[in-house]
Amino acid sequence: MTDQPKQLGGGRKMFGEFAPKLAELTDDVLFEDVWNRPELSARDRSLITVAVLTAGGNTDQLGFHLGRAIDNGVTQEELIEAITHVTFYAGWPQGMSAMGIAKELFTDNK
């Protein structure tokens, strides 16, 4: 899986001086290493991440990762479908909350 955009983190920008170790781990391990491993495409990693964040009810990070998914080639329709699918397995409240974030993001960008 080559020819995909290099995935970069924003940990240092967000928390660099406040929480330097968390920033370092975010940028150097999570994004530089894990997100750029060739065994899965960035597109697939984005779909997985959106599904897991939805299932866990972790909406604080969801807006960022929905945007990253779009940047990685996942369409809005695919993301809406993924959230709908996950809702049946993860629970209605998690799915409805995630869809609310998606609606806000996607309708504000049109």
N, C-alpha and C. Protein backbone atom coordinates (compact mmCIF):
# COMPACT_ATOMS: atom_id res chain seq x y z
N MET A 1 0.83 -1.18 0.00
CA MET A 1 0.00 0.00 0.00
C MET A 1 0.88 1.25 0.00
N THR A 2 1.34 1.63 -1.15
CA THR A 2 2.11 2.85 -1.25
C THR A 2 1.26 3.90 -1.95
N ASP A 3 1.87 4.99 -2.34
CA ASP A 3 1.16 6.06 -3.03
C ASP A 3 -0.03 6.59 -2.24
N GLN A 4 0.15 6.72 -0.96
CA GLN A 4 -0.88 7.33 -0.14
C GLN A 4 -0.25 8.49 0.62
N PRO A 5 -1.06 9.46 0.98
CA PRO A 5 -0.47 10.61 1.69
C PRO A 5 0.12 10.19 3.03
N LYS A 6 1.29 10.75 3.33
CA LYS A 6 1.92 10.48 4.63
C LYS A 6 1.02 11.06 5.72
N GLN A 7 0.77 10.28 6.74
CA GLN A 7 -0.09 10.70 7.83
C GLN A 7 0.75 11.41 8.89
N LEU A 8 0.35 12.60 9.25
CA LEU A 8 1.06 13.41 10.22
C LEU A 8 0.16 13.70 11.41
N GLY A 9 0.74 13.73 12.58
CA GLY A 9 -0.01 14.06 13.78
C GLY A 9 0.11 15.54 14.12
N GLY A 10 -0.71 15.97 15.02
CA GLY A 10 -0.68 17.36 15.47
C GLY A 10 -0.46 17.47 16.96
N GLY A 11 0.12 16.45 17.56
CA GLY A 11 0.31 16.43 19.01
C GLY A 11 1.18 17.55 19.53
N ARG A 12 2.28 17.80 18.85
CA ARG A 12 3.19 18.86 19.31
C ARG A 12 2.54 20.23 19.18
N LYS A 13 1.81 20.41 18.09
CA LYS A 13 1.11 21.68 17.89
C LYS A 13 0.05 21.89 18.97
N MET A 14 -0.65 20.82 19.32
CA MET A 14 -1.74 20.93 20.27
C MET A 14 -1.27 20.96 21.73
N PHE A 15 -0.32 20.10 22.08
CA PHE A 15 0.06 19.93 23.48
C PHE A 15 1.56 20.00 23.74
N GLY A 16 2.34 20.42 22.77
CA GLY A 16 3.80 20.35 22.84
C GLY A 16 4.43 20.80 24.14
N GLU A 17 4.13 22.00 24.59
CA GLU A 17 4.75 22.49 25.82
C GLU A 17 3.99 22.05 27.06
N PHE A 18 2.71 21.83 26.95
CA PHE A 18 1.89 21.45 28.09
C PHE A 18 2.09 19.99 28.48
N ALA A 19 2.08 19.10 27.49
CA ALA A 19 2.23 17.66 27.73
C ALA A 19 3.18 17.09 26.66
N PRO A 20 4.48 17.39 26.79
CA PRO A 20 5.41 17.02 25.72
C PRO A 20 5.51 15.52 25.43
N LYS A 21 5.40 14.67 26.43
CA LYS A 21 5.50 13.23 26.17
C LYS A 21 4.29 12.74 25.39
N LEU A 22 3.09 13.19 25.77
CA LEU A 22 1.88 12.80 25.03
C LEU A 22 1.98 13.30 23.59
N ALA A 23 2.46 14.52 23.41
CA ALA A 23 2.64 15.07 22.07
C ALA A 23 3.62 14.24 21.25
N GLU A 24 4.72 13.86 21.87
CA GLU A 24 5.73 13.04 21.21
C GLU A 24 5.16 11.68 20.80
N LEU A 25 4.47 11.02 21.71
CA LEU A 25 3.89 9.71 21.41
C LEU A 25 2.85 9.80 20.31
N THR A 26 2.04 10.84 20.36
CA THR A 26 1.02 11.04 19.32
C THR A 26 1.66 11.19 17.95
N ASP A 27 2.64 12.08 17.86
CA ASP A 27 3.24 12.36 16.56
C ASP A 27 4.18 11.27 16.08
N ASP A 28 5.04 10.77 16.97
CA ASP A 28 6.11 9.86 16.55
C ASP A 28 5.70 8.39 16.53
N VAL A 29 4.82 7.99 17.42
CA VAL A 29 4.41 6.59 17.46
C VAL A 29 3.08 6.39 16.73
N LEU A 30 2.04 7.07 17.20
CA LEU A 30 0.72 6.84 16.60
C LEU A 30 0.68 7.22 15.12
N PHE A 31 1.12 8.44 14.79
CA PHE A 31 1.00 8.87 13.40
C PHE A 31 2.21 8.47 12.56
N GLU A 32 3.41 8.83 12.97
CA GLU A 32 4.59 8.53 12.15
C GLU A 32 4.77 7.03 11.94
N ASP A 33 4.52 6.24 12.97
CA ASP A 33 4.72 4.79 12.85
C ASP A 33 3.42 4.08 12.48
N VAL A 34 2.47 4.03 13.37
CA VAL A 34 1.28 3.19 13.18
C VAL A 34 0.47 3.60 11.94
N TRP A 35 0.14 4.88 11.82
CA TRP A 35 -0.70 5.32 10.70
C TRP A 35 -0.01 5.15 9.35
N ASN A 36 1.29 5.07 9.33
CA ASN A 36 2.01 4.96 8.06
C ASN A 36 2.50 3.55 7.75
N ARG A 37 2.11 2.58 8.54
CA ARG A 37 2.49 1.21 8.24
C ARG A 37 1.81 0.78 6.95
N PRO A 38 2.50 0.03 6.10
CA PRO A 38 1.96 -0.29 4.77
C PRO A 38 0.91 -1.40 4.75
N GLU A 39 0.71 -2.09 5.86
CA GLU A 39 -0.21 -3.24 5.84
C GLU A 39 -1.68 -2.83 5.65
N LEU A 40 -2.03 -1.61 6.02
CA LEU A 40 -3.37 -1.07 5.77
C LEU A 40 -3.21 0.31 5.15
N SER A 41 -4.11 0.64 4.27
CA SER A 41 -4.08 1.98 3.69
C SER A 41 -4.57 3.00 4.72
N ALA A 42 -4.22 4.25 4.51
CA ALA A 42 -4.71 5.31 5.38
C ALA A 42 -6.23 5.37 5.32
N ARG A 43 -6.80 5.09 4.16
CA ARG A 43 -8.26 5.07 3.99
C ARG A 43 -8.89 4.02 4.91
N ASP A 44 -8.33 2.82 4.90
CA ASP A 44 -8.84 1.75 5.76
C ASP A 44 -8.66 2.09 7.24
N ARG A 45 -7.52 2.65 7.58
CA ARG A 45 -7.28 3.05 8.97
C ARG A 45 -8.30 4.10 9.40
N SER A 46 -8.62 5.02 8.51
CA SER A 46 -9.61 6.04 8.83
C SER A 46 -10.98 5.42 9.09
N LEU A 47 -11.41 4.49 8.25
CA LEU A 47 -12.70 3.83 8.46
C LEU A 47 -12.73 3.08 9.79
N ILE A 48 -11.65 2.39 10.09
CA ILE A 48 -11.56 1.65 11.35
C ILE A 48 -11.62 2.62 12.52
N THR A 49 -10.89 3.71 12.43
CA THR A 49 -10.83 4.67 13.53
C THR A 49 -12.20 5.30 13.76
N VAL A 50 -12.89 5.69 12.70
CA VAL A 50 -14.24 6.26 12.85
C VAL A 50 -15.18 5.23 13.48
N ALA A 51 -15.08 3.98 13.06
CA ALA A 51 -15.94 2.94 13.63
C ALA A 51 -15.66 2.74 15.12
N VAL A 52 -14.40 2.70 15.49
CA VAL A 52 -14.05 2.47 16.90
C VAL A 52 -14.43 3.67 17.76
N LEU A 53 -14.18 4.87 17.27
CA LEU A 53 -14.57 6.06 18.03
C LEU A 53 -16.09 6.12 18.20
N THR A 54 -16.82 5.77 17.15
CA THR A 54 -18.27 5.72 17.23
C THR A 54 -18.72 4.69 18.25
N ALA A 55 -18.17 3.49 18.16
CA ALA A 55 -18.56 2.41 19.06
C ALA A 55 -18.28 2.75 20.52
N GLY A 56 -17.18 3.44 20.75
CA GLY A 56 -16.82 3.79 22.12
C GLY A 56 -17.46 5.06 22.63
N GLY A 57 -18.21 5.74 21.76
CA GLY A 57 -18.84 6.99 22.17
C GLY A 57 -17.84 8.12 22.36
N ASN A 58 -16.69 8.04 21.70
CA ASN A 58 -15.62 9.03 21.85
C ASN A 58 -15.77 10.15 20.83
N THR A 59 -16.80 10.96 21.02
CA THR A 59 -17.11 11.98 20.03
C THR A 59 -16.15 13.16 20.05
N ASP A 60 -15.39 13.36 21.11
CA ASP A 60 -14.44 14.48 21.13
C ASP A 60 -13.41 14.36 20.03
N GLN A 61 -12.99 13.17 19.70
CA GLN A 61 -11.99 12.94 18.65
C GLN A 61 -12.62 12.69 17.28
N LEU A 62 -13.93 12.46 17.25
CA LEU A 62 -14.57 12.03 16.02
C LEU A 62 -14.54 13.09 14.92
N GLY A 63 -14.77 14.35 15.25
CA GLY A 63 -14.76 15.39 14.22
C GLY A 63 -13.44 15.45 13.48
N PHE A 64 -12.35 15.39 14.24
CA PHE A 64 -11.01 15.39 13.63
C PHE A 64 -10.86 14.20 12.69
N HIS A 65 -11.27 13.02 13.15
CA HIS A 65 -11.04 11.81 12.34
C HIS A 65 -12.00 11.69 11.17
N LEU A 66 -13.18 12.29 11.26
CA LEU A 66 -14.04 12.34 10.08
C LEU A 66 -13.38 13.19 8.99
N GLY A 67 -12.81 14.32 9.39
CA GLY A 67 -12.09 15.16 8.43
C GLY A 67 -10.89 14.46 7.84
N ARG A 68 -10.15 13.75 8.68
CA ARG A 68 -8.99 12.99 8.20
C ARG A 68 -9.45 11.90 7.23
N ALA A 69 -10.57 11.26 7.52
CA ALA A 69 -11.09 10.22 6.63
C ALA A 69 -11.40 10.78 5.26
N ILE A 70 -12.02 11.95 5.22
CA ILE A 70 -12.30 12.60 3.93
C ILE A 70 -10.98 12.86 3.20
N ASP A 71 -9.99 13.39 3.92
CA ASP A 71 -8.67 13.64 3.32
C ASP A 71 -8.03 12.35 2.80
N ASN A 72 -8.36 11.23 3.44
CA ASN A 72 -7.78 9.94 3.05
C ASN A 72 -8.63 9.20 2.02
N GLY A 73 -9.64 9.87 1.46
CA GLY A 73 -10.38 9.28 0.35
C GLY A 73 -11.69 8.61 0.69
N VAL A 74 -12.12 8.66 1.93
CA VAL A 74 -13.42 8.09 2.30
C VAL A 74 -14.48 9.15 1.99
N THR A 75 -15.56 8.76 1.37
CA THR A 75 -16.60 9.73 1.03
C THR A 75 -17.53 9.97 2.22
N GLN A 76 -18.24 11.08 2.16
CA GLN A 76 -19.23 11.37 3.20
C GLN A 76 -20.28 10.26 3.25
N GLU A 77 -20.70 9.79 2.10
CA GLU A 77 -21.70 8.72 2.05
C GLU A 77 -21.19 7.44 2.72
N GLU A 78 -19.93 7.12 2.50
CA GLU A 78 -19.34 5.93 3.13
C GLU A 78 -19.24 6.10 4.64
N LEU A 79 -18.90 7.29 5.09
CA LEU A 79 -18.82 7.53 6.53
C LEU A 79 -20.19 7.46 7.19
N ILE A 80 -21.19 8.03 6.55
CA ILE A 80 -22.56 7.96 7.08
C ILE A 80 -23.00 6.49 7.15
N GLU A 81 -22.69 5.74 6.12
CA GLU A 81 -23.05 4.30 6.10
C GLU A 81 -22.30 3.53 7.18
N ALA A 82 -21.02 3.84 7.38
CA ALA A 82 -20.24 3.16 8.41
C ALA A 82 -20.82 3.45 9.79
N ILE A 83 -21.15 4.70 10.06
CA ILE A 83 -21.73 5.05 11.36
C ILE A 83 -23.08 4.36 11.54
N THR A 84 -23.89 4.34 10.48
CA THR A 84 -25.19 3.64 10.55
C THR A 84 -24.98 2.17 10.88
N HIS A 85 -24.04 1.53 10.22
CA HIS A 85 -23.76 0.11 10.45
C HIS A 85 -23.30 -0.13 11.88
N VAL A 86 -22.36 0.68 12.35
CA VAL A 86 -21.82 0.52 13.70
C VAL A 86 -22.90 0.72 14.76
N THR A 87 -23.86 1.58 14.47
CA THR A 87 -24.94 1.87 15.44
C THR A 87 -25.64 0.60 15.90
N PHE A 88 -25.86 -0.35 14.99
CA PHE A 88 -26.57 -1.58 15.35
C PHE A 88 -25.75 -2.49 16.25
N TYR A 89 -24.44 -2.38 16.19
CA TYR A 89 -23.57 -3.23 17.00
C TYR A 89 -23.09 -2.55 18.27
N ALA A 90 -22.94 -1.24 18.22
CA ALA A 90 -22.35 -0.51 19.35
C ALA A 90 -23.38 0.14 20.26
N GLY A 91 -24.55 0.39 19.73
CA GLY A 91 -25.60 1.00 20.54
C GLY A 91 -26.12 2.28 19.90
N TRP A 92 -27.41 2.47 20.09
CA TRP A 92 -28.08 3.61 19.48
C TRP A 92 -27.53 4.95 19.96
N PRO A 93 -27.31 5.15 21.25
CA PRO A 93 -26.80 6.45 21.69
C PRO A 93 -25.45 6.80 21.06
N GLN A 94 -24.55 5.84 20.96
CA GLN A 94 -23.24 6.10 20.35
C GLN A 94 -23.40 6.48 18.88
N GLY A 95 -24.23 5.73 18.17
CA GLY A 95 -24.44 6.01 16.75
C GLY A 95 -25.11 7.34 16.51
N MET A 96 -26.11 7.66 17.29
CA MET A 96 -26.80 8.93 17.12
C MET A 96 -25.87 10.10 17.44
N SER A 97 -25.06 9.97 18.47
CA SER A 97 -24.11 11.03 18.80
C SER A 97 -23.09 11.21 17.69
N ALA A 98 -22.57 10.11 17.17
CA ALA A 98 -21.60 10.17 16.08
C ALA A 98 -22.22 10.78 14.83
N MET A 99 -23.45 10.41 14.53
CA MET A 99 -24.11 10.95 13.33
C MET A 99 -24.35 12.45 13.49
N GLY A 100 -24.61 12.88 14.70
CA GLY A 100 -24.77 14.31 14.94
C GLY A 100 -23.49 15.08 14.64
N ILE A 101 -22.35 14.52 15.03
CA ILE A 101 -21.05 15.14 14.72
C ILE A 101 -20.84 15.16 13.21
N ALA A 102 -21.14 14.04 12.55
CA ALA A 102 -20.96 13.97 11.10
C ALA A 102 -21.86 14.98 10.39
N LYS A 103 -23.11 15.07 10.81
CA LYS A 103 -24.04 16.01 10.18
C LYS A 103 -23.54 17.44 10.33
N GLU A 104 -23.10 17.78 11.51
CA GLU A 104 -22.59 19.13 11.76
C GLU A 104 -21.38 19.42 10.87
N LEU A 105 -20.47 18.49 10.80
CA LEU A 105 -19.26 18.66 9.99
C LEU A 105 -19.59 18.74 8.50
N PHE A 106 -20.41 17.82 8.03
CA PHE A 106 -20.67 17.73 6.59
C PHE A 106 -21.60 18.83 6.10
N THR A 107 -22.54 19.26 6.90
CA THR A 107 -23.44 20.32 6.44
C THR A 107 -22.79 21.69 6.56
N ASP A 108 -21.85 21.85 7.46
CA ASP A 108 -21.13 23.12 7.57
C ASP A 108 -20.14 23.31 6.43
N ASN A 109 -19.70 22.20 5.83
CA ASN A 109 -18.70 22.26 4.76
C ASN A 109 -19.31 22.33 3.37
N LYS A 110 -20.62 22.37 3.28
CA LYS A 110 -21.27 22.40 1.95
C LYS A 110 -21.70 23.78 1.60
